[in-house]
Each structure stands twice: as structure tokens, then as C-alpha cells.
Amino acid sequence: MTASELRIGNWINKVTDFAGKNNYIQATIEDIVKVKEHPSHYIDIPLTEEWLLKFGFEESGGHFETNPALWVSIGGLTGPTDIWIHGEYVPSVKIGYVHQLQNLYFALTGQELLIH
């Protein structure tokens, strides 16, 4: 993860004790600056079924979907995460982390992807 990939409100894992504990936070402007200064203190959160469900995606026929017709398939056709938009597979879009899904969702809808 680089600071340029992040937006305020993105979920990231702030490493506080290096003991493997997760410390999930929503990034602030201060965190984004710190990612640039100390990138090893922050790590990506892998996109999992658990996170998709937290964001309100519903499981449907082997994939997860939400409005506006965004489908996500973990362990999909060509990689760990495949994306369909309005039913069309988008091979050029590959995401593997929570902040990437948040950014894609915002780019498509103009709305934040919130935890339900």
C-alpha cells in the first residue's frame, strides 16, 4: 500500500505492536501522511467474504453483489478477486484489499462504502 492509494475513511491495519494483532482503523489525513513516512507501520487488509458481508454485500450464486450491480467473486476466474459491473466481467480490474474495494465503489457510485 502507498499513501497515494488511500482516501480518508479507507480501512487499513495500523501495526502497533508487531505481534500480529489486527488494529483496523479508518484512515485520517494524519494516517495517510504517516503511511508515506513509515509504510511498514500500516498494512493492507485482505478482502475476504467477512469484509464483503460487513459492507452489505449479499452472497448470490458463488459471488457477492451489491447495488449498483457490482459483483465480486473471491477465488474467481483468473485471480483471487474478480469484478463484474452490471453483469459484465471486467478483466482489467483486480482488487485484493479492502481499501481498493472502497475506492472502486466510490468511483462507480460517488458514495462511500459503509459497514452495516
PDB file of N, CA and C in Angstrom:
ATOM      1  N   MET A   1       0.853  -1.173   0.000  1.00  0.00           N
ATOM      2  CA  MET A   1       0.000   0.000   0.000  1.00  0.00           C
ATOM      3  C   MET A   1       0.894   1.230   0.000  1.00  0.00           C
ATOM      4  N   THR A   2       0.475   2.217  -0.764  1.00  0.00           N
ATOM      5  CA  THR A   2       1.164   3.502  -0.751  1.00  0.00           C
ATOM      6  C   THR A   2       0.162   4.581  -0.342  1.00  0.00           C
ATOM      7  N   ALA A   3       0.679   5.685   0.126  1.00  0.00           N
ATOM      8  CA  ALA A   3      -0.191   6.779   0.560  1.00  0.00           C
ATOM      9  C   ALA A   3      -1.086   7.264  -0.577  1.00  0.00           C
ATOM     10  N   SER A   4      -0.588   7.213  -1.801  1.00  0.00           N
ATOM     11  CA  SER A   4      -1.373   7.707  -2.935  1.00  0.00           C
ATOM     12  C   SER A   4      -2.579   6.827  -3.251  1.00  0.00           C
ATOM     13  N   GLU A   5      -2.612   5.604  -2.740  1.00  0.00           N
ATOM     14  CA  GLU A   5      -3.750   4.704  -2.947  1.00  0.00           C
ATOM     15  C   GLU A   5      -4.884   4.966  -1.969  1.00  0.00           C
ATOM     16  N   LEU A   6      -4.618   5.717  -0.920  1.00  0.00           N
ATOM     17  CA  LEU A   6      -5.581   5.851   0.173  1.00  0.00           C
ATOM     18  C   LEU A   6      -6.419   7.113   0.069  1.00  0.00           C
ATOM     19  N   ARG A   7      -7.637   6.963   0.580  1.00  0.00           N
ATOM     20  CA  ARG A   7      -8.554   8.097   0.759  1.00  0.00           C
ATOM     21  C   ARG A   7      -8.916   8.144   2.234  1.00  0.00           C
ATOM     22  N   ILE A   8      -9.260   9.314   2.724  1.00  0.00           N
ATOM     23  CA  ILE A   8      -9.740   9.436   4.094  1.00  0.00           C
ATOM     24  C   ILE A   8     -10.944   8.515   4.246  1.00  0.00           C
ATOM     25  N   GLY A   9     -10.941   7.718   5.310  1.00  0.00           N
ATOM     26  CA  GLY A   9     -12.035   6.782   5.570  1.00  0.00           C
ATOM     27  C   GLY A   9     -11.761   5.364   5.120  1.00  0.00           C
ATOM     28  N   ASN A  10     -10.694   5.154   4.339  1.00  0.00           N
ATOM     29  CA  ASN A  10     -10.339   3.786   3.957  1.00  0.00           C
ATOM     30  C   ASN A  10      -9.954   2.988   5.206  1.00  0.00           C
ATOM     31  N   TRP A  11     -10.371   1.725   5.223  1.00  0.00           N
ATOM     32  CA  TRP A  11      -9.982   0.832   6.309  1.00  0.00           C
ATOM     33  C   TRP A  11      -8.574   0.299   6.033  1.00  0.00           C
ATOM     34  N   ILE A  12      -7.696   0.416   7.030  1.00  0.00           N
ATOM     35  CA  ILE A  12      -6.339  -0.110   6.952  1.00  0.00           C
ATOM     36  C   ILE A  12      -5.991  -0.746   8.284  1.00  0.00           C
ATOM     37  N   ASN A  13      -4.894  -1.477   8.319  1.00  0.00           N
ATOM     38  CA  ASN A  13      -4.438  -2.134   9.535  1.00  0.00           C
ATOM     39  C   ASN A  13      -3.207  -1.390  10.040  1.00  0.00           C
ATOM     40  N   LYS A  14      -3.350  -0.753  11.185  1.00  0.00           N
ATOM     41  CA  LYS A  14      -2.246   0.004  11.789  1.00  0.00           C
ATOM     42  C   LYS A  14      -1.489  -0.926  12.728  1.00  0.00           C
ATOM     43  N   VAL A  15      -0.236  -1.183  12.398  1.00  0.00           N
ATOM     44  CA  VAL A  15       0.587  -2.086  13.195  1.00  0.00           C
ATOM     45  C   VAL A  15       1.080  -1.318  14.413  1.00  0.00           C
ATOM     46  N   THR A  16       0.689  -1.787  15.597  1.00  0.00           N
ATOM     47  CA  THR A  16       1.070  -1.066  16.804  1.00  0.00           C
ATOM     48  C   THR A  16       2.089  -1.814  17.645  1.00  0.00           C
ATOM     49  N   ASP A  17       2.049  -3.136  17.610  1.00  0.00           N
ATOM     50  CA  ASP A  17       2.978  -3.881  18.464  1.00  0.00           C
ATOM     51  C   ASP A  17       3.768  -4.947  17.706  1.00  0.00           C
ATOM     52  N   PHE A  18       3.517  -5.063  16.411  1.00  0.00           N
ATOM     53  CA  PHE A  18       4.205  -6.026  15.557  1.00  0.00           C
ATOM     54  C   PHE A  18       4.065  -7.461  16.062  1.00  0.00           C
ATOM     55  N   ALA A  19       3.004  -7.731  16.832  1.00  0.00           N
ATOM     56  CA  ALA A  19       2.774  -9.078  17.360  1.00  0.00           C
ATOM     57  C   ALA A  19       1.704  -9.807  16.552  1.00  0.00           C
ATOM     58  N   GLY A  20       1.346  -9.254  15.426  1.00  0.00           N
ATOM     59  CA  GLY A  20       0.370  -9.920  14.576  1.00  0.00           C
ATOM     60  C   GLY A  20      -1.068  -9.599  14.900  1.00  0.00           C
ATOM     61  N   LYS A  21      -1.306  -8.686  15.819  1.00  0.00           N
ATOM     62  CA  LYS A  21      -2.678  -8.303  16.154  1.00  0.00           C
ATOM     63  C   LYS A  21      -3.201  -7.323  15.122  1.00  0.00           C
ATOM     64  N   ASN A  22      -4.479  -7.468  14.791  1.00  0.00           N
ATOM     65  CA  ASN A  22      -5.109  -6.535  13.862  1.00  0.00           C
ATOM     66  C   ASN A  22      -5.597  -5.314  14.617  1.00  0.00           C
ATOM     67  N   ASN A  23      -5.296  -4.155  14.092  1.00  0.00           N
ATOM     68  CA  ASN A  23      -5.759  -2.889  14.643  1.00  0.00           C
ATOM     69  C   ASN A  23      -6.360  -2.109  13.480  1.00  0.00           C
ATOM     70  N   TYR A  24      -7.576  -2.492  13.111  1.00  0.00           N
ATOM     71  CA  TYR A  24      -8.232  -1.876  11.959  1.00  0.00           C
ATOM     72  C   TYR A  24      -8.691  -0.474  12.305  1.00  0.00           C
ATOM     73  N   ILE A  25      -8.330   0.464  11.438  1.00  0.00           N
ATOM     74  CA  ILE A  25      -8.737   1.857  11.627  1.00  0.00           C
ATOM     75  C   ILE A  25      -9.217   2.411  10.296  1.00  0.00           C
ATOM     76  N   GLN A  26      -9.994   3.478  10.379  1.00  0.00           N
ATOM     77  CA  GLN A  26     -10.340   4.234   9.178  1.00  0.00           C
ATOM     78  C   GLN A  26      -9.328   5.358   9.064  1.00  0.00           C
ATOM     79  N   ALA A  27      -8.669   5.416   7.917  1.00  0.00           N
ATOM     80  CA  ALA A  27      -7.565   6.348   7.722  1.00  0.00           C
ATOM     81  C   ALA A  27      -8.018   7.801   7.827  1.00  0.00           C
ATOM     82  N   THR A  28      -7.214   8.561   8.535  1.00  0.00           N
ATOM     83  CA  THR A  28      -7.372  10.018   8.597  1.00  0.00           C
ATOM     84  C   THR A  28      -6.266  10.625   7.741  1.00  0.00           C
ATOM     85  N   ILE A  29      -6.305  11.918   7.554  1.00  0.00           N
ATOM     86  CA  ILE A  29      -5.243  12.577   6.800  1.00  0.00           C
ATOM     87  C   ILE A  29      -3.896  12.355   7.490  1.00  0.00           C
ATOM     88  N   GLU A  30      -3.893  12.335   8.825  1.00  0.00           N
ATOM     89  CA  GLU A  30      -2.653  12.096   9.559  1.00  0.00           C
ATOM     90  C   GLU A  30      -2.116  10.689   9.280  1.00  0.00           C
ATOM     91  N   ASP A  31      -3.011   9.705   9.225  1.00  0.00           N
ATOM     92  CA  ASP A  31      -2.574   8.333   8.925  1.00  0.00           C
ATOM     93  C   ASP A  31      -1.987   8.246   7.522  1.00  0.00           C
ATOM     94  N   ILE A  32      -2.609   8.915   6.577  1.00  0.00           N
ATOM     95  CA  ILE A  32      -2.119   8.867   5.197  1.00  0.00           C
ATOM     96  C   ILE A  32      -0.719   9.466   5.109  1.00  0.00           C
ATOM     97  N   VAL A  33      -0.480  10.557   5.821  1.00  0.00           N
ATOM     98  CA  VAL A  33       0.865  11.152   5.866  1.00  0.00           C
ATOM     99  C   VAL A  33       1.844  10.168   6.507  1.00  0.00           C
ATOM    100  N   LYS A  34       1.407   9.486   7.577  1.00  0.00           N
ATOM    101  CA  LYS A  34       2.286   8.530   8.254  1.00  0.00           C
ATOM    102  C   LYS A  34       2.575   7.308   7.382  1.00  0.00           C
ATOM    103  N   VAL A  35       1.622   6.909   6.554  1.00  0.00           N
ATOM    104  CA  VAL A  35       1.869   5.800   5.623  1.00  0.00           C
ATOM    105  C   VAL A  35       3.025   6.158   4.705  1.00  0.00           C
ATOM    106  N   LYS A  36       3.057   7.397   4.275  1.00  0.00           N
ATOM    107  CA  LYS A  36       4.148   7.846   3.402  1.00  0.00           C
ATOM    108  C   LYS A  36       5.481   7.843   4.153  1.00  0.00           C
ATOM    109  N   GLU A  37       5.454   8.269   5.412  1.00  0.00           N
ATOM    110  CA  GLU A  37       6.684   8.372   6.199  1.00  0.00           C
ATOM    111  C   GLU A  37       7.151   7.025   6.744  1.00  0.00           C
ATOM    112  N   HIS A  38       6.210   6.174   7.156  1.00  0.00           N
ATOM    113  CA  HIS A  38       6.528   4.887   7.791  1.00  0.00           C
ATOM    114  C   HIS A  38       5.620   3.791   7.234  1.00  0.00           C
ATOM    115  N   PRO A  39       5.829   3.410   5.984  1.00  0.00           N
ATOM    116  CA  PRO A  39       4.914   2.453   5.360  1.00  0.00           C
ATOM    117  C   PRO A  39       4.836   1.101   6.076  1.00  0.00           C
ATOM    118  N   SER A  40       5.873   0.707   6.782  1.00  0.00           N
ATOM    119  CA  SER A  40       5.839  -0.590   7.461  1.00  0.00           C
ATOM    120  C   SER A  40       4.926  -0.591   8.688  1.00  0.00           C
ATOM    121  N   HIS A  41       4.442   0.567   9.088  1.00  0.00           N
ATOM    122  CA  HIS A  41       3.552   0.654  10.250  1.00  0.00           C
ATOM    123  C   HIS A  41       2.085   0.469   9.867  1.00  0.00           C
ATOM    124  N   TYR A  42       1.816   0.335   8.588  1.00  0.00           N
ATOM    125  CA  TYR A  42       0.450   0.163   8.098  1.00  0.00           C
ATOM    126  C   TYR A  42       0.454  -0.934   7.042  1.00  0.00           C
ATOM    127  N   ILE A  43      -0.533  -1.812   7.103  1.00  0.00           N
ATOM    128  CA  ILE A  43      -0.616  -2.864   6.098  1.00  0.00           C
ATOM    129  C   ILE A  43      -2.037  -2.940   5.548  1.00  0.00           C
ATOM    130  N   ASP A  44      -2.119  -3.490   4.334  1.00  0.00           N
ATOM    131  CA  ASP A  44      -3.403  -3.679   3.681  1.00  0.00           C
ATOM    132  C   ASP A  44      -4.233  -4.708   4.436  1.00  0.00           C
ATOM    133  N   ILE A  45      -5.536  -4.564   4.351  1.00  0.00           N
ATOM    134  CA  ILE A  45      -6.452  -5.572   4.882  1.00  0.00           C
ATOM    135  C   ILE A  45      -6.914  -6.410   3.698  1.00  0.00           C
ATOM    136  N   PRO A  46      -6.617  -7.712   3.696  1.00  0.00           N
ATOM    137  CA  PRO A  46      -7.066  -8.550   2.585  1.00  0.00           C
ATOM    138  C   PRO A  46      -8.595  -8.554   2.474  1.00  0.00           C
ATOM    139  N   LEU A  47      -9.079  -8.517   1.252  1.00  0.00           N
ATOM    140  CA  LEU A  47     -10.514  -8.554   1.009  1.00  0.00           C
ATOM    141  C   LEU A  47     -10.999  -9.988   1.188  1.00  0.00           C
ATOM    142  N   THR A  48     -11.914 -10.181   2.114  1.00  0.00           N
ATOM    143  CA  THR A  48     -12.440 -11.507   2.425  1.00  0.00           C
ATOM    144  C   THR A  48     -13.962 -11.478   2.363  1.00  0.00           C
ATOM    145  N   GLU A  49     -14.549 -12.657   2.417  1.00  0.00           N
ATOM    146  CA  GLU A  49     -16.009 -12.753   2.468  1.00  0.00           C
ATOM    147  C   GLU A  49     -16.546 -11.996   3.675  1.00  0.00           C
ATOM    148  N   GLU A  50     -15.843 -12.091   4.805  1.00  0.00           N
ATOM    149  CA  GLU A  50     -16.265 -11.393   6.018  1.00  0.00           C
ATOM    150  C   GLU A  50     -16.392  -9.888   5.788  1.00  0.00           C
ATOM    151  N   TRP A  51     -15.398  -9.298   5.109  1.00  0.00           N
ATOM    152  CA  TRP A  51     -15.442  -7.861   4.837  1.00  0.00           C
ATOM    153  C   TRP A  51     -16.564  -7.522   3.864  1.00  0.00           C
ATOM    154  N   LEU A  52     -16.767  -8.349   2.855  1.00  0.00           N
ATOM    155  CA  LEU A  52     -17.856  -8.093   1.905  1.00  0.00           C
ATOM    156  C   LEU A  52     -19.202  -8.090   2.621  1.00  0.00           C
ATOM    157  N   LEU A  53     -19.402  -9.035   3.520  1.00  0.00           N
ATOM    158  CA  LEU A  53     -20.657  -9.084   4.277  1.00  0.00           C
ATOM    159  C   LEU A  53     -20.792  -7.865   5.185  1.00  0.00           C
ATOM    160  N   LYS A  54     -19.693  -7.427   5.801  1.00  0.00           N
ATOM    161  CA  LYS A  54     -19.727  -6.221   6.640  1.00  0.00           C
ATOM    162  C   LYS A  54     -20.179  -5.002   5.839  1.00  0.00           C
ATOM    163  N   PHE A  55     -19.766  -4.957   4.571  1.00  0.00           N
ATOM    164  CA  PHE A  55     -20.116  -3.827   3.716  1.00  0.00           C
ATOM    165  C   PHE A  55     -21.510  -3.958   3.110  1.00  0.00           C
ATOM    166  N   GLY A  56     -22.214  -5.015   3.451  1.00  0.00           N
ATOM    167  CA  GLY A  56     -23.589  -5.151   2.981  1.00  0.00           C
ATOM    168  C   GLY A  56     -23.749  -5.912   1.678  1.00  0.00           C
ATOM    169  N   PHE A  57     -22.677  -6.519   1.185  1.00  0.00           N
ATOM    170  CA  PHE A  57     -22.806  -7.368   0.007  1.00  0.00           C
ATOM    171  C   PHE A  57     -23.583  -8.619   0.394  1.00  0.00           C
ATOM    172  N   GLU A  58     -24.313  -9.161  -0.542  1.00  0.00           N
ATOM    173  CA  GLU A  58     -25.062 -10.387  -0.302  1.00  0.00           C
ATOM    174  C   GLU A  58     -24.508 -11.492  -1.181  1.00  0.00           C
ATOM    175  N   GLU A  59     -24.390 -12.681  -0.589  1.00  0.00           N
ATOM    176  CA  GLU A  59     -23.908 -13.820  -1.359  1.00  0.00           C
ATOM    177  C   GLU A  59     -25.018 -14.295  -2.287  1.00  0.00           C
ATOM    178  N   SER A  60     -24.643 -14.546  -3.543  1.00  0.00           N
ATOM    179  CA  SER A  60     -25.637 -14.953  -4.540  1.00  0.00           C
ATOM    180  C   SER A  60     -24.956 -15.781  -5.622  1.00  0.00           C
ATOM    181  N   GLY A  61     -25.194 -17.068  -5.612  1.00  0.00           N
ATOM    182  CA  GLY A  61     -24.682 -17.919  -6.681  1.00  0.00           C
ATOM    183  C   GLY A  61     -23.177 -17.937  -6.838  1.00  0.00           C
ATOM    184  N   GLY A  62     -22.439 -17.976  -5.741  1.00  0.00           N
ATOM    185  CA  GLY A  62     -20.988 -18.065  -5.816  1.00  0.00           C
ATOM    186  C   GLY A  62     -20.268 -16.735  -5.899  1.00  0.00           C
ATOM    187  N   HIS A  63     -21.017 -15.648  -5.865  1.00  0.00           N
ATOM    188  CA  HIS A  63     -20.370 -14.338  -5.844  1.00  0.00           C
ATOM    189  C   HIS A  63     -21.107 -13.458  -4.838  1.00  0.00           C
ATOM    190  N   PHE A  64     -20.601 -12.281  -4.622  1.00  0.00           N
ATOM    191  CA  PHE A  64     -21.214 -11.318  -3.716  1.00  0.00           C
ATOM    192  C   PHE A  64     -21.620 -10.113  -4.539  1.00  0.00           C
ATOM    193  N   GLU A  65     -22.784  -9.560  -4.231  1.00  0.00           N
ATOM    194  CA  GLU A  65     -23.240  -8.423  -5.021  1.00  0.00           C
ATOM    195  C   GLU A  65     -23.852  -7.347  -4.137  1.00  0.00           C
ATOM    196  N   THR A  66     -23.861  -6.148  -4.685  1.00  0.00           N
ATOM    197  CA  THR A  66     -24.480  -5.003  -4.053  1.00  0.00           C
ATOM    198  C   THR A  66     -24.927  -4.056  -5.151  1.00  0.00           C
ATOM    199  N   ASN A  67     -25.702  -3.092  -4.809  1.00  0.00           N
ATOM    200  CA  ASN A  67     -26.067  -2.071  -5.793  1.00  0.00           C
ATOM    201  C   ASN A  67     -24.893  -1.124  -5.932  1.00  0.00           C
ATOM    202  N   PRO A  68     -24.609  -0.604  -7.046  1.00  0.00           N
ATOM    203  CA  PRO A  68     -25.306  -0.674  -8.326  1.00  0.00           C
ATOM    204  C   PRO A  68     -24.746  -1.781  -9.213  1.00  0.00           C
ATOM    205  N   ALA A  69     -25.209  -2.949  -8.992  1.00  0.00           N
ATOM    206  CA  ALA A  69     -24.836  -4.103  -9.822  1.00  0.00           C
ATOM    207  C   ALA A  69     -23.343  -4.372  -9.837  1.00  0.00           C
ATOM    208  N   LEU A  70     -22.713  -4.233  -8.705  1.00  0.00           N
ATOM    209  CA  LEU A  70     -21.303  -4.570  -8.563  1.00  0.00           C
ATOM    210  C   LEU A  70     -21.216  -5.962  -7.976  1.00  0.00           C
ATOM    211  N   TRP A  71     -20.566  -6.871  -8.691  1.00  0.00           N
ATOM    212  CA  TRP A  71     -20.381  -8.241  -8.229  1.00  0.00           C
ATOM    213  C   TRP A  71     -18.910  -8.475  -7.944  1.00  0.00           C
ATOM    214  N   VAL A  72     -18.633  -9.184  -6.880  1.00  0.00           N
ATOM    215  CA  VAL A  72     -17.273  -9.529  -6.501  1.00  0.00           C
ATOM    216  C   VAL A  72     -17.221 -11.032  -6.298  1.00  0.00           C
ATOM    217  N   SER A  73     -16.223 -11.673  -6.886  1.00  0.00           N
ATOM    218  CA  SER A  73     -16.045 -13.111  -6.728  1.00  0.00           C
ATOM    219  C   SER A  73     -14.661 -13.362  -6.165  1.00  0.00           C
ATOM    220  N   ILE A  74     -14.597 -13.857  -4.942  1.00  0.00           N
ATOM    221  CA  ILE A  74     -13.319 -14.178  -4.316  1.00  0.00           C
ATOM    222  C   ILE A  74     -12.932 -15.577  -4.775  1.00  0.00           C
ATOM    223  N   GLY A  75     -11.692 -15.726  -5.247  1.00  0.00           N
ATOM    224  CA  GLY A  75     -11.261 -17.004  -5.808  1.00  0.00           C
ATOM    225  C   GLY A  75     -11.943 -17.253  -7.135  1.00  0.00           C
ATOM    226  N   GLY A  76     -12.037 -16.202  -7.933  1.00  0.00           N
ATOM    227  CA  GLY A  76     -12.798 -16.229  -9.167  1.00  0.00           C
ATOM    228  C   GLY A  76     -12.065 -16.841 -10.342  1.00  0.00           C
ATOM    229  N   LEU A  77     -12.431 -16.393 -11.523  1.00  0.00           N
ATOM    230  CA  LEU A  77     -11.963 -16.988 -12.774  1.00  0.00           C
ATOM    231  C   LEU A  77     -10.463 -16.911 -12.968  1.00  0.00           C
ATOM    232  N   THR A  78      -9.890 -15.741 -12.760  1.00  0.00           N
ATOM    233  CA  THR A  78      -8.493 -15.557 -13.137  1.00  0.00           C
ATOM    234  C   THR A  78      -7.604 -15.095 -12.000  1.00  0.00           C
ATOM    235  N   GLY A  79      -8.127 -14.964 -10.833  1.00  0.00           N
ATOM    236  CA  GLY A  79      -7.297 -14.489  -9.745  1.00  0.00           C
ATOM    237  C   GLY A  79      -8.056 -14.542  -8.443  1.00  0.00           C
ATOM    238  N   PRO A  80      -7.463 -13.962  -7.413  1.00  0.00           N
ATOM    239  CA  PRO A  80      -8.102 -14.042  -6.107  1.00  0.00           C
ATOM    240  C   PRO A  80      -9.424 -13.293  -6.036  1.00  0.00           C
ATOM    241  N   THR A  81      -9.580 -12.221  -6.795  1.00  0.00           N
ATOM    242  CA  THR A  81     -10.817 -11.453  -6.758  1.00  0.00           C
ATOM    243  C   THR A  81     -11.148 -10.951  -8.152  1.00  0.00           C
ATOM    244  N   ASP A  82     -12.313 -11.326  -8.635  1.00  0.00           N
ATOM    245  CA  ASP A  82     -12.786 -10.876  -9.944  1.00  0.00           C
ATOM    246  C   ASP A  82     -13.939  -9.906  -9.746  1.00  0.00           C
ATOM    247  N   ILE A  83     -14.090  -8.994 -10.692  1.00  0.00           N
ATOM    248  CA  ILE A  83     -15.103  -7.947 -10.612  1.00  0.00           C
ATOM    249  C   ILE A  83     -16.001  -8.007 -11.843  1.00  0.00           C
ATOM    250  N   TRP A  84     -17.304  -7.869 -11.595  1.00  0.00           N
ATOM    251  CA  TRP A  84     -18.285  -7.687 -12.658  1.00  0.00           C
ATOM    252  C   TRP A  84     -19.030  -6.397 -12.376  1.00  0.00           C
ATOM    253  N   ILE A  85     -19.256  -5.606 -13.397  1.00  0.00           N
ATOM    254  CA  ILE A  85     -20.052  -4.389 -13.264  1.00  0.00           C
ATOM    255  C   ILE A  85     -21.217  -4.519 -14.224  1.00  0.00           C
ATOM    256  N   HIS A  86     -22.417  -4.431 -13.687  1.00  0.00           N
ATOM    257  CA  HIS A  86     -23.645  -4.629 -14.464  1.00  0.00           C
ATOM    258  C   HIS A  86     -23.597  -5.935 -15.254  1.00  0.00           C
ATOM    259  N   GLY A  87     -23.095  -6.997 -14.606  1.00  0.00           N
ATOM    260  CA  GLY A  87     -23.080  -8.313 -15.211  1.00  0.00           C
ATOM    261  C   GLY A  87     -21.960  -8.568 -16.197  1.00  0.00           C
ATOM    262  N   GLU A  88     -21.117  -7.577 -16.448  1.00  0.00           N
ATOM    263  CA  GLU A  88     -20.014  -7.731 -17.395  1.00  0.00           C
ATOM    264  C   GLU A  88     -18.701  -7.902 -16.635  1.00  0.00           C
ATOM    265  N   TYR A  89     -18.001  -8.986 -16.924  1.00  0.00           N
ATOM    266  CA  TYR A  89     -16.701  -9.236 -16.320  1.00  0.00           C
ATOM    267  C   TYR A  89     -15.715  -8.162 -16.766  1.00  0.00           C
ATOM    268  N   VAL A  90     -14.973  -7.620 -15.810  1.00  0.00           N
ATOM    269  CA  VAL A  90     -14.002  -6.559 -16.090  1.00  0.00           C
ATOM    270  C   VAL A  90     -12.608  -7.116 -15.782  1.00  0.00           C
ATOM    271  N   PRO A  91     -11.947  -7.701 -16.797  1.00  0.00           N
ATOM    272  CA  PRO A  91     -10.665  -8.364 -16.529  1.00  0.00           C
ATOM    273  C   PRO A  91      -9.548  -7.426 -16.108  1.00  0.00           C
ATOM    274  N   SER A  92      -9.644  -6.164 -16.439  1.00  0.00           N
ATOM    275  CA  SER A  92      -8.567  -5.229 -16.113  1.00  0.00           C
ATOM    276  C   SER A  92      -8.621  -4.747 -14.665  1.00  0.00           C
ATOM    277  N   VAL A  93      -9.713  -5.041 -13.952  1.00  0.00           N
ATOM    278  CA  VAL A  93      -9.849  -4.598 -12.570  1.00  0.00           C
ATOM    279  C   VAL A  93      -9.569  -5.775 -11.643  1.00  0.00           C
ATOM    280  N   LYS A  94      -8.515  -5.676 -10.884  1.00  0.00           N
ATOM    281  CA  LYS A  94      -8.149  -6.688  -9.901  1.00  0.00           C
ATOM    282  C   LYS A  94      -7.973  -5.993  -8.564  1.00  0.00           C
ATOM    283  N   ILE A  95      -8.695  -6.466  -7.594  1.00  0.00           N
ATOM    284  CA  ILE A  95      -8.544  -5.913  -6.253  1.00  0.00           C
ATOM    285  C   ILE A  95      -8.328  -7.061  -5.280  1.00  0.00           C
ATOM    286  N   GLY A  96      -7.593  -6.780  -4.251  1.00  0.00           N
ATOM    287  CA  GLY A  96      -7.336  -7.796  -3.251  1.00  0.00           C
ATOM    288  C   GLY A  96      -7.437  -7.272  -1.835  1.00  0.00           C
ATOM    289  N   TYR A  97      -7.676  -5.956  -1.728  1.00  0.00           N
ATOM    290  CA  TYR A  97      -7.671  -5.340  -0.410  1.00  0.00           C
ATOM    291  C   TYR A  97      -8.912  -4.481  -0.193  1.00  0.00           C
ATOM    292  N   VAL A  98      -9.262  -4.324   1.071  1.00  0.00           N
ATOM    293  CA  VAL A  98     -10.469  -3.588   1.451  1.00  0.00           C
ATOM    294  C   VAL A  98     -10.448  -2.168   0.900  1.00  0.00           C
ATOM    295  N   HIS A  99      -9.326  -1.454   1.032  1.00  0.00           N
ATOM    296  CA  HIS A  99      -9.297  -0.056   0.576  1.00  0.00           C
ATOM    297  C   HIS A  99      -9.491   0.039  -0.939  1.00  0.00           C
ATOM    298  N   GLN A 100      -9.045  -0.973  -1.681  1.00  0.00           N
ATOM    299  CA  GLN A 100      -9.245  -0.958  -3.126  1.00  0.00           C
ATOM    300  C   GLN A 100     -10.725  -1.108  -3.474  1.00  0.00           C
ATOM    301  N   LEU A 101     -11.432  -1.962  -2.747  1.00  0.00           N
ATOM    302  CA  LEU A 101     -12.876  -2.097  -2.965  1.00  0.00           C
ATOM    303  C   LEU A 101     -13.588  -0.796  -2.615  1.00  0.00           C
ATOM    304  N   GLN A 102     -13.202  -0.173  -1.509  1.00  0.00           N
ATOM    305  CA  GLN A 102     -13.809   1.101  -1.130  1.00  0.00           C
ATOM    306  C   GLN A 102     -13.599   2.147  -2.223  1.00  0.00           C
ATOM    307  N   ASN A 103     -12.395   2.207  -2.769  1.00  0.00           N
ATOM    308  CA  ASN A 103     -12.096   3.197  -3.797  1.00  0.00           C
ATOM    309  C   ASN A 103     -12.860   2.916  -5.088  1.00  0.00           C
ATOM    310  N   LEU A 104     -12.959   1.643  -5.477  1.00  0.00           N
ATOM    311  CA  LEU A 104     -13.711   1.274  -6.673  1.00  0.00           C
ATOM    312  C   LEU A 104     -15.185   1.623  -6.506  1.00  0.00           C
ATOM    313  N   TYR A 105     -15.744   1.288  -5.366  1.00  0.00           N
ATOM    314  CA  TYR A 105     -17.146   1.568  -5.106  1.00  0.00           C
ATOM    315  C   TYR A 105     -17.407   3.079  -5.178  1.00  0.00           C
ATOM    316  N   PHE A 106     -16.528   3.871  -4.570  1.00  0.00           N
ATOM    317  CA  PHE A 106     -16.695   5.327  -4.613  1.00  0.00           C
ATOM    318  C   PHE A 106     -16.602   5.846  -6.043  1.00  0.00           C
ATOM    319  N   ALA A 107     -15.663   5.303  -6.811  1.00  0.00           N
ATOM    320  CA  ALA A 107     -15.507   5.750  -8.199  1.00  0.00           C
ATOM    321  C   ALA A 107     -16.751   5.434  -9.028  1.00  0.00           C
ATOM    322  N   LEU A 108     -17.404   4.311  -8.737  1.00  0.00           N
ATOM    323  CA  LEU A 108     -18.586   3.911  -9.505  1.00  0.00           C
ATOM    324  C   LEU A 108     -19.863   4.617  -9.072  1.00  0.00           C
ATOM    325  N   THR A 109     -19.971   4.908  -7.775  1.00  0.00           N
ATOM    326  CA  THR A 109     -21.245   5.414  -7.237  1.00  0.00           C
ATOM    327  C   THR A 109     -21.190   6.844  -6.710  1.00  0.00           C
ATOM    328  N   GLY A 110     -19.990   7.325  -6.383  1.00  0.00           N
ATOM    329  CA  GLY A 110     -19.863   8.639  -5.738  1.00  0.00           C
ATOM    330  C   GLY A 110     -20.258   8.594  -4.274  1.00  0.00           C
ATOM    331  N   GLN A 111     -20.435   7.386  -3.731  1.00  0.00           N
ATOM    332  CA  GLN A 111     -20.813   7.203  -2.329  1.00  0.00           C
ATOM    333  C   GLN A 111     -19.773   6.352  -1.615  1.00  0.00           C
ATOM    334  N   GLU A 112     -19.697   6.555  -0.317  1.00  0.00           N
ATOM    335  CA  GLU A 112     -18.783   5.750   0.495  1.00  0.00           C
ATOM    336  C   GLU A 112     -19.382   4.366   0.716  1.00  0.00           C
ATOM    337  N   LEU A 113     -18.542   3.362   0.784  1.00  0.00           N
ATOM    338  CA  LEU A 113     -18.942   2.001   1.112  1.00  0.00           C
ATOM    339  C   LEU A 113     -18.875   1.881   2.622  1.00  0.00           C
ATOM    340  N   LEU A 114     -20.016   1.746   3.256  1.00  0.00           N
ATOM    341  CA  LEU A 114     -20.104   1.789   4.707  1.00  0.00           C
ATOM    342  C   LEU A 114     -20.308   0.388   5.286  1.00  0.00           C
ATOM    343  N   ILE A 115     -19.837   0.203   6.507  1.00  0.00           N
ATOM    344  CA  ILE A 115     -20.090  -1.040   7.227  1.00  0.00           C
ATOM    345  C   ILE A 115     -21.512  -1.010   7.755  1.00  0.00           C
ATOM    346  N   HIS A 116     -22.213  -2.120   7.563  1.00  0.00           N
ATOM    347  CA  HIS A 116     -23.620  -2.225   8.002  1.00  0.00           C
ATOM    348  C   HIS A 116     -23.700  -2.971   9.312  1.00  0.00           C
TER     349      HIS A 116
END
